[in-house]
Amino acid sequence: MNKINPLLAAFQQTSYPLGGHGKRNIQVLIDALQDVDGLTDGDTYGNGKLIEDFQAEMATFLGKESAVFFPSGTMAQQIALRIWCDRKGNKKVAYHPLSHLEIHEEDGLKELHHIQPILLGEKDRLIRLEDVQQLDEDVACILLELPQREIGGQLPEYEELTQISAYCRSRGIHLHLDGARLYEILPYYQKSAHEICELFDSVYISFYKGIGGIAGAILAGDETFTKESKVWKRRHGGDLISLYPYIVSASHYFKQRVDKMGQYYEGAVELAARYNQVPGIVTNPVQPVTNMFHVHIQMPKEKMESLLISLYEATGVGLTHYVKEINESSCCYEVSIGDRYASVPKDELEKAFALLESQMRENRV
């Protein structure tokens, strides 16, 4: 039997975990079902009022002609890129070196669709307009992830985003949005989802990340695009006989949380500022542009884990459930603010950070 990581075990015992919305247990589904009539018909193989109404609602929210519900974003995005490649008769796409498709999908795009990715830009920074302009490969599509999770949730300025969109359209390059966390960028840009999505030919959004549903995704675009996506969804085995548990939870938590993204963003800015007062710690970005950021610590991973466990036991405040090694002398972790943060008493949070400051001064190498 696998032993639980000591840091995770300590985190799970804290009274005030800072990140996310709460535990991902079965109660998440039970709560979503509370206001649903038990006699409501479920969907069947992608058809039925339940799924069709939700798809229409999401198409309107995104400002697209049509939308299709998928069980996973991995499936949705591979299909989107396949469609654009087939349209252009070109099996090349471009995306960031740390795109989800490149580092988390076991080369699914290459093995299943024989699509060749062109890594655009550098892994430690955003894709810039000049990267797109200087691309010397003929590609069918460029994928942009907003925000760029693996580098702390960074975002380009909106003006640059519009310039990238205009350049792609002038060159006949399709532009796809990896918008798994689309809702989370709206407060910073001060734009609607509709305004952002009109810059892209196709859009994917997730319902389990910032929204906190069980699983599921939407892929949106014009009617011809989504009609093709349904064929590929069937080929991928994505037309489960019923998807209603995912749809019900997606709808429930979307309505509950989509208008709270500004609150989460403000919490992230506040918390990052406090982290940056601690010696040996810096956040990336220094001032967050979404509700997420990365915490970088000048301390070996094992030593930081031990420090955090003692802090959790002393204060009951949980900063993170994991720490990732960067090198022998530094480590990092991700913070994503959701419902939990607002319920943490400010005095308890300050006690935890005062202790963190003291421990960092005593333990820094």
Protein backbone atom coordinates (compact mmCIF):
# COMPACT_ATOMS: atom_id res chain seq x y z
CA MET A 1 0.00 0.00 0.00
CA ASN A 2 1.28 3.47 -0.89
CA LYS A 3 2.18 5.65 2.07
CA ILE A 4 0.79 9.17 2.09
CA ASN A 5 3.33 11.94 1.70
CA PRO A 6 4.01 13.51 5.14
CA LEU A 7 3.51 17.04 3.80
CA LEU A 8 0.18 16.09 2.21
CA ALA A 9 -0.88 14.37 5.44
CA ALA A 10 -0.03 17.47 7.47
CA PHE A 11 -1.82 19.72 4.97
CA GLN A 12 -4.97 17.60 5.16
CA GLN A 13 -5.07 18.13 8.93
CA THR A 14 -4.92 21.94 8.75
CA SER A 15 -7.91 24.05 9.74
CA TYR A 16 -7.25 26.75 7.15
CA PRO A 17 -6.01 25.47 3.77
CA LEU A 18 -5.54 28.52 1.54
CA GLY A 19 -5.99 27.31 -2.03
CA GLY A 20 -8.85 26.02 -4.13
CA HIS A 21 -12.51 25.63 -3.27
CA GLY A 22 -12.42 22.59 -1.01
CA LYS A 23 -11.92 18.84 -1.04
CA ARG A 24 -12.73 17.04 -4.27
CA ASN A 25 -14.96 14.43 -2.70
CA ILE A 26 -18.37 13.00 -3.57
CA GLN A 27 -20.06 15.88 -1.75
CA VAL A 28 -19.15 18.04 -4.76
CA LEU A 29 -21.64 16.06 -6.86
CA ILE A 30 -24.22 15.74 -4.08
CA ASP A 31 -24.32 19.53 -3.66
CA ALA A 32 -24.68 20.05 -7.41
CA LEU A 33 -27.67 17.69 -7.53
CA GLN A 34 -29.60 19.29 -4.66
CA ASP A 35 -31.71 21.58 -6.83
CA VAL A 36 -32.17 19.21 -9.77
CA ASP A 37 -35.49 17.43 -10.28
CA GLY A 38 -34.78 13.71 -10.12
CA LEU A 39 -37.17 13.13 -13.01
CA THR A 40 -35.15 15.35 -15.35
CA ASP A 41 -34.12 13.39 -18.42
CA GLY A 42 -30.40 12.86 -18.86
CA ASP A 43 -28.54 13.15 -22.13
CA THR A 44 -28.03 10.15 -24.41
CA TYR A 45 -24.94 9.89 -26.62
CA GLY A 46 -24.59 13.67 -26.86
CA ASN A 47 -28.26 14.39 -27.47
CA GLY A 48 -31.13 15.66 -25.32
CA LYS A 49 -32.37 18.90 -23.82
CA LEU A 50 -29.99 18.84 -20.84
CA ILE A 51 -26.80 18.78 -22.86
CA GLU A 52 -28.11 20.86 -25.76
CA ASP A 53 -29.31 23.69 -23.49
CA PHE A 54 -26.00 23.80 -21.65
CA GLN A 55 -24.03 23.82 -24.90
CA ALA A 56 -26.15 26.70 -26.17
CA GLU A 57 -25.64 28.60 -22.92
CA MET A 58 -21.87 28.20 -23.15
CA ALA A 59 -21.82 29.19 -26.82
CA THR A 60 -23.56 32.43 -25.88
CA PHE A 61 -21.18 33.06 -22.98
CA LEU A 62 -18.19 32.58 -25.29
CA GLY A 63 -19.69 34.50 -28.19
CA LYS A 64 -19.44 31.54 -30.58
CA GLU A 65 -22.01 30.04 -32.95
CA SER A 66 -21.92 26.62 -31.37
CA ALA A 67 -20.39 24.58 -28.54
CA VAL A 68 -19.91 20.90 -27.74
CA PHE A 69 -19.52 19.32 -24.31
CA PHE A 70 -16.56 16.93 -23.96
CA PRO A 71 -15.61 14.66 -21.07
CA SER A 72 -12.05 16.06 -21.09
CA GLY A 73 -10.06 18.99 -22.33
CA THR A 74 -7.31 16.69 -23.57
CA MET A 75 -9.78 15.14 -26.01
CA ALA A 76 -11.29 18.48 -27.01
CA GLN A 77 -8.02 20.21 -27.81
CA GLN A 78 -6.48 17.38 -29.79
CA ILE A 79 -9.65 17.28 -31.88
CA ALA A 80 -9.63 21.05 -32.41
CA LEU A 81 -6.08 20.96 -33.73
CA ARG A 82 -6.86 17.93 -35.90
CA ILE A 83 -9.76 19.77 -37.53
CA TRP A 84 -7.66 22.83 -38.31
CA CYS A 85 -4.86 20.67 -39.71
CA ASP A 86 -7.29 18.79 -41.94
CA ARG A 87 -8.80 22.06 -43.16
CA LYS A 88 -5.39 23.38 -44.18
CA GLY A 89 -3.95 20.08 -45.38
CA ASN A 90 -1.03 20.79 -43.06
CA LYS A 91 -0.02 18.58 -40.14
CA LYS A 92 1.92 21.24 -38.20
CA VAL A 93 0.74 23.35 -35.26
CA ALA A 94 2.63 25.73 -32.98
CA TYR A 95 2.36 26.19 -29.22
CA HIS A 96 4.35 27.06 -26.10
CA PRO A 97 7.10 24.60 -25.03
CA LEU A 98 5.22 24.04 -21.74
CA SER A 99 1.79 23.58 -23.29
CA HIS A 100 -0.36 20.89 -21.70
CA LEU A 101 -0.34 19.02 -25.04
CA GLU A 102 3.45 18.85 -24.96
CA ILE A 103 4.16 17.87 -21.34
CA HIS A 104 1.05 16.18 -19.92
CA GLU A 105 -0.58 14.10 -22.68
CA GLU A 106 1.94 11.33 -23.46
CA ASP A 107 2.39 12.68 -27.01
CA GLY A 108 -1.28 12.06 -27.80
CA LEU A 109 -1.34 14.68 -30.54
CA LYS A 110 1.63 13.05 -32.28
CA GLU A 111 0.69 9.41 -31.75
CA LEU A 112 -3.05 9.61 -32.39
CA HIS A 113 -3.18 12.34 -35.04
CA HIS A 114 0.36 12.38 -36.46
CA ILE A 115 0.50 16.14 -35.98
CA GLN A 116 3.90 17.75 -35.63
CA PRO A 117 4.14 20.44 -32.93
CA ILE A 118 6.42 23.43 -33.43
CA LEU A 119 7.52 24.79 -30.06
CA LEU A 120 7.05 28.53 -30.19
CA GLY A 121 9.05 30.92 -27.98
CA GLU A 122 11.05 30.07 -24.85
CA LYS A 123 9.83 27.89 -22.00
CA ASP A 124 10.41 30.50 -19.29
CA ARG A 125 8.40 33.31 -20.91
CA LEU A 126 5.22 34.02 -22.82
CA ILE A 127 4.81 33.70 -26.59
CA ARG A 128 5.28 37.20 -27.98
CA LEU A 129 4.07 38.84 -31.19
CA GLU A 130 7.59 38.72 -32.61
CA ASP A 131 7.73 34.95 -32.01
CA VAL A 132 4.63 34.55 -34.17
CA GLN A 133 5.92 36.95 -36.81
CA GLN A 134 9.31 35.20 -36.97
CA LEU A 135 7.85 31.69 -37.18
CA ASP A 136 9.60 30.14 -40.16
CA GLU A 137 7.35 27.06 -40.35
CA ASP A 138 4.09 26.89 -42.27
CA VAL A 139 1.56 25.87 -39.60
CA ALA A 140 -2.17 25.22 -39.71
CA CYS A 141 -2.86 26.57 -36.26
CA ILE A 142 -1.29 28.35 -33.31
CA LEU A 143 -2.49 27.50 -29.80
CA LEU A 144 -2.28 30.13 -27.07
CA GLU A 145 -2.83 29.22 -23.42
CA LEU A 146 -4.32 32.02 -21.33
CA PRO A 147 -3.05 32.17 -18.66
CA GLN A 148 0.22 30.27 -19.19
CA ARG A 149 0.02 27.98 -16.19
CA GLU A 150 3.49 26.47 -16.07
CA ILE A 151 5.12 29.90 -15.73
CA GLY A 152 2.88 31.15 -12.96
CA GLY A 153 -0.26 32.09 -14.85
CA GLN A 154 1.28 34.92 -16.85
CA LEU A 155 -0.65 36.83 -19.51
CA PRO A 156 0.30 39.00 -22.48
CA GLU A 157 -1.13 42.49 -22.53
CA TYR A 158 -4.49 42.60 -24.29
CA GLU A 159 -3.18 44.86 -27.06
CA GLU A 160 -0.49 42.32 -27.93
CA LEU A 161 -3.11 39.58 -27.95
CA THR A 162 -5.17 41.50 -30.49
CA GLN A 163 -2.06 42.02 -32.61
CA ILE A 164 -1.30 38.28 -32.60
CA SER A 165 -4.88 37.55 -33.60
CA ALA A 166 -4.81 40.07 -36.44
CA TYR A 167 -1.48 38.75 -37.71
CA CYS A 168 -2.73 35.14 -37.74
CA ARG A 169 -5.88 36.10 -39.63
CA SER A 170 -3.87 38.06 -42.18
CA ARG A 171 -1.73 34.97 -42.81
CA GLY A 172 -4.57 32.42 -42.82
CA ILE A 173 -3.34 30.76 -39.61
CA HIS A 174 -6.08 29.44 -37.34
CA LEU A 175 -5.83 30.57 -33.71
CA HIS A 176 -7.03 28.28 -30.92
CA LEU A 177 -7.49 29.29 -27.28
CA ASP A 178 -6.53 26.91 -24.51
CA GLY A 179 -8.89 28.66 -22.14
CA ALA A 180 -9.00 26.06 -19.38
CA ARG A 181 -8.79 29.01 -16.99
CA LEU A 182 -10.50 31.58 -19.22
CA TYR A 183 -12.78 32.86 -16.45
CA GLU A 184 -9.74 33.64 -14.29
CA ILE A 185 -8.26 36.13 -16.77
CA LEU A 186 -11.38 38.29 -17.11
CA PRO A 187 -10.76 40.51 -14.04
CA TYR A 188 -7.24 41.46 -15.18
CA TYR A 189 -8.19 42.17 -18.78
CA GLN A 190 -11.47 43.83 -17.76
CA LYS A 191 -13.01 42.15 -20.78
CA SER A 192 -15.89 39.75 -21.26
CA ALA A 193 -15.33 36.17 -22.33
CA HIS A 194 -17.06 37.11 -25.58
CA GLU A 195 -14.53 39.90 -26.27
CA ILE A 196 -11.54 37.64 -25.69
CA CYS A 197 -12.93 34.67 -27.60
CA GLU A 198 -13.72 36.73 -30.70
CA LEU A 199 -9.94 36.92 -31.23
CA PHE A 200 -9.82 33.12 -31.68
CA ASP A 201 -11.25 30.67 -34.21
CA SER A 202 -11.88 28.01 -31.58
CA VAL A 203 -11.96 27.95 -27.79
CA TYR A 204 -11.71 25.30 -25.08
CA ILE A 205 -12.80 25.88 -21.47
CA SER A 206 -12.64 23.57 -18.45
CA PHE A 207 -15.20 23.04 -15.71
CA TYR A 208 -13.04 21.43 -13.03
CA LYS A 209 -10.16 23.90 -12.65
CA GLY A 210 -11.23 27.39 -11.59
CA ILE A 211 -14.90 26.39 -11.61
CA GLY A 212 -14.50 23.31 -9.39
CA GLY A 213 -16.86 20.89 -11.12
CA ILE A 214 -16.21 17.17 -11.40
CA ALA A 215 -14.85 17.09 -14.95
CA GLY A 216 -15.78 18.17 -18.45
CA ALA A 217 -14.98 20.75 -21.07
CA ILE A 218 -16.55 22.84 -23.81
CA LEU A 219 -15.14 23.23 -27.32
CA ALA A 220 -16.64 26.16 -29.21
CA GLY A 221 -16.41 27.66 -32.68
CA ASP A 222 -18.52 28.05 -35.79
CA GLU A 223 -21.22 25.53 -36.71
CA THR A 224 -19.09 23.70 -39.27
CA PHE A 225 -16.22 23.33 -36.80
CA THR A 226 -18.36 21.95 -33.99
CA LYS A 227 -20.18 19.58 -36.33
CA GLU A 228 -16.81 18.09 -37.27
CA SER A 229 -15.80 17.98 -33.61
CA LYS A 230 -18.81 15.80 -32.80
CA VAL A 231 -17.65 13.23 -35.36
CA TRP A 232 -14.18 13.17 -33.80
CA LYS A 233 -15.70 13.02 -30.33
CA ARG A 234 -17.48 9.81 -31.34
CA ARG A 235 -14.26 8.41 -32.83
CA HIS A 236 -12.42 9.16 -29.57
CA GLY A 237 -15.05 7.39 -27.48
CA GLY A 238 -16.17 10.68 -25.94
CA ASP A 239 -19.87 10.10 -26.57
CA LEU A 240 -20.58 8.32 -23.29
CA ILE A 241 -24.14 7.09 -23.04
CA SER A 242 -24.71 9.88 -20.48
CA LEU A 243 -22.59 12.84 -19.42
CA TYR A 244 -25.19 14.43 -17.16
CA PRO A 245 -23.28 14.12 -13.84
CA TYR A 246 -20.53 16.25 -15.37
CA ILE A 247 -22.96 18.66 -17.05
CA VAL A 248 -25.04 19.17 -13.90
CA SER A 249 -21.96 19.87 -11.79
CA ALA A 250 -20.45 22.10 -14.48
CA SER A 251 -23.63 24.17 -14.69
CA HIS A 252 -24.05 24.37 -10.91
CA TYR A 253 -20.52 25.53 -10.12
CA PHE A 254 -20.28 27.77 -13.17
CA LYS A 255 -23.27 29.75 -11.93
CA GLN A 256 -21.91 29.73 -8.39
CA ARG A 257 -18.36 30.88 -9.16
CA VAL A 258 -17.98 32.62 -12.51
CA ASP A 259 -18.84 36.01 -10.97
CA LYS A 260 -16.42 35.50 -8.06
CA MET A 261 -13.26 35.50 -10.19
CA GLY A 262 -12.56 39.12 -9.28
CA GLN A 263 -12.64 38.19 -5.59
CA TYR A 264 -10.23 35.30 -6.19
CA TYR A 265 -7.91 37.56 -8.20
CA GLU A 266 -7.82 40.18 -5.43
CA GLY A 267 -7.04 37.43 -2.92
CA ALA A 268 -4.13 36.23 -5.04
CA VAL A 269 -2.68 39.75 -5.29
CA GLU A 270 -2.96 40.15 -1.53
CA LEU A 271 -1.42 36.78 -0.74
CA ALA A 272 1.44 37.15 -3.21
CA ALA A 273 2.33 40.51 -1.68
CA ARG A 274 2.61 38.83 1.72
CA TYR A 275 4.80 36.03 0.31
CA ASN A 276 7.14 38.58 -1.22
CA GLN A 277 7.82 40.08 2.21
CA VAL A 278 9.39 36.80 3.34
CA PRO A 279 13.18 36.54 2.92
CA GLY A 280 14.20 33.85 0.42
CA ILE A 281 10.75 33.74 -1.21
CA VAL A 282 9.54 35.39 -4.42
CA THR A 283 6.39 34.84 -6.44
CA ASN A 284 6.09 34.47 -10.19
CA PRO A 285 4.62 36.83 -11.29
CA VAL A 286 5.58 39.21 -8.48
CA GLN A 287 2.09 40.67 -8.81
CA PRO A 288 -0.35 38.04 -10.10
CA VAL A 289 -2.49 38.72 -13.16
CA THR A 290 -4.97 35.95 -12.32
CA ASN A 291 -5.99 34.07 -9.18
CA MET A 292 -2.88 31.86 -9.49
CA PHE A 293 0.86 32.29 -9.08
CA HIS A 294 3.96 30.25 -8.30
CA VAL A 295 5.98 30.50 -5.09
CA HIS A 296 9.76 30.11 -5.48
CA ILE A 297 11.82 29.37 -2.37
CA GLN A 298 15.59 29.50 -1.93
CA MET A 299 15.74 26.32 0.12
CA PRO A 300 16.15 22.61 -0.70
CA LYS A 301 12.87 20.75 -1.22
CA GLU A 302 13.23 18.36 1.73
CA LYS A 303 14.13 21.17 4.10
CA MET A 304 11.17 23.26 2.95
CA GLU A 305 8.80 20.33 3.39
CA SER A 306 9.98 19.87 6.97
CA LEU A 307 9.57 23.58 7.63
CA LEU A 308 6.03 23.58 6.24
CA ILE A 309 4.98 20.55 8.30
CA SER A 310 6.09 22.27 11.51
CA LEU A 311 4.31 25.47 10.43
CA TYR A 312 1.08 23.58 9.76
CA GLU A 313 1.22 21.88 13.15
CA ALA A 314 1.87 25.18 14.93
CA THR A 315 -0.66 27.39 13.12
CA GLY A 316 -3.27 25.21 11.42
CA VAL A 317 -2.76 27.21 8.20
CA GLY A 318 -2.05 25.12 5.09
CA LEU A 319 0.01 26.86 2.40
CA THR A 320 0.48 23.94 -0.02
CA HIS A 321 0.10 20.16 -0.18
CA TYR A 322 3.23 19.65 -2.31
CA VAL A 323 6.65 21.12 -3.09
CA LYS A 324 8.47 20.66 -6.40
CA GLU A 325 12.25 20.60 -6.64
CA ILE A 326 13.85 23.12 -9.03
CA ASN A 327 17.45 22.26 -8.18
CA GLU A 328 19.47 21.23 -5.12
CA SER A 329 19.02 24.59 -3.44
CA SER A 330 15.54 25.74 -4.48
CA CYS A 331 11.96 24.57 -4.87
CA CYS A 332 8.53 25.89 -5.77
CA TYR A 333 4.79 25.28 -5.63
CA GLU A 334 1.63 26.67 -7.19
CA VAL A 335 -1.08 28.66 -5.46
CA SER A 336 -4.60 28.96 -6.89
CA ILE A 337 -7.12 31.01 -4.94
CA GLY A 338 -10.74 29.94 -4.70
CA ASP A 339 -13.55 29.90 -2.12
CA ARG A 340 -11.36 28.75 0.76
CA TYR A 341 -9.23 31.87 1.00
CA ALA A 342 -12.02 34.22 2.09
CA SER A 343 -12.81 32.02 5.09
CA VAL A 344 -9.28 32.17 6.56
CA PRO A 345 -9.12 34.65 9.49
CA LYS A 346 -6.63 37.41 8.70
CA ASP A 347 -5.02 37.21 12.13
CA GLU A 348 -4.42 33.46 11.73
CA LEU A 349 -2.94 34.04 8.28
CA GLU A 350 -0.62 36.72 9.64
CA LYS A 351 0.52 34.45 12.48
CA ALA A 352 1.42 31.80 9.91
CA PHE A 353 3.41 34.23 7.79
CA ALA A 354 5.18 35.69 10.80
CA LEU A 355 6.28 32.18 11.72
CA LEU A 356 7.25 31.47 8.10
CA GLU A 357 9.46 34.58 8.10
CA SER A 358 11.13 33.51 11.34
CA GLN A 359 11.70 29.95 10.11
CA MET A 360 13.09 31.11 6.78
CA ARG A 361 15.61 33.37 8.51
CA GLU A 362 16.70 30.57 10.81
CA ASN A 363 16.90 27.85 8.15
CA ARG A 364 18.18 29.57 5.04
CA VAL A 365 21.41 28.05 3.72
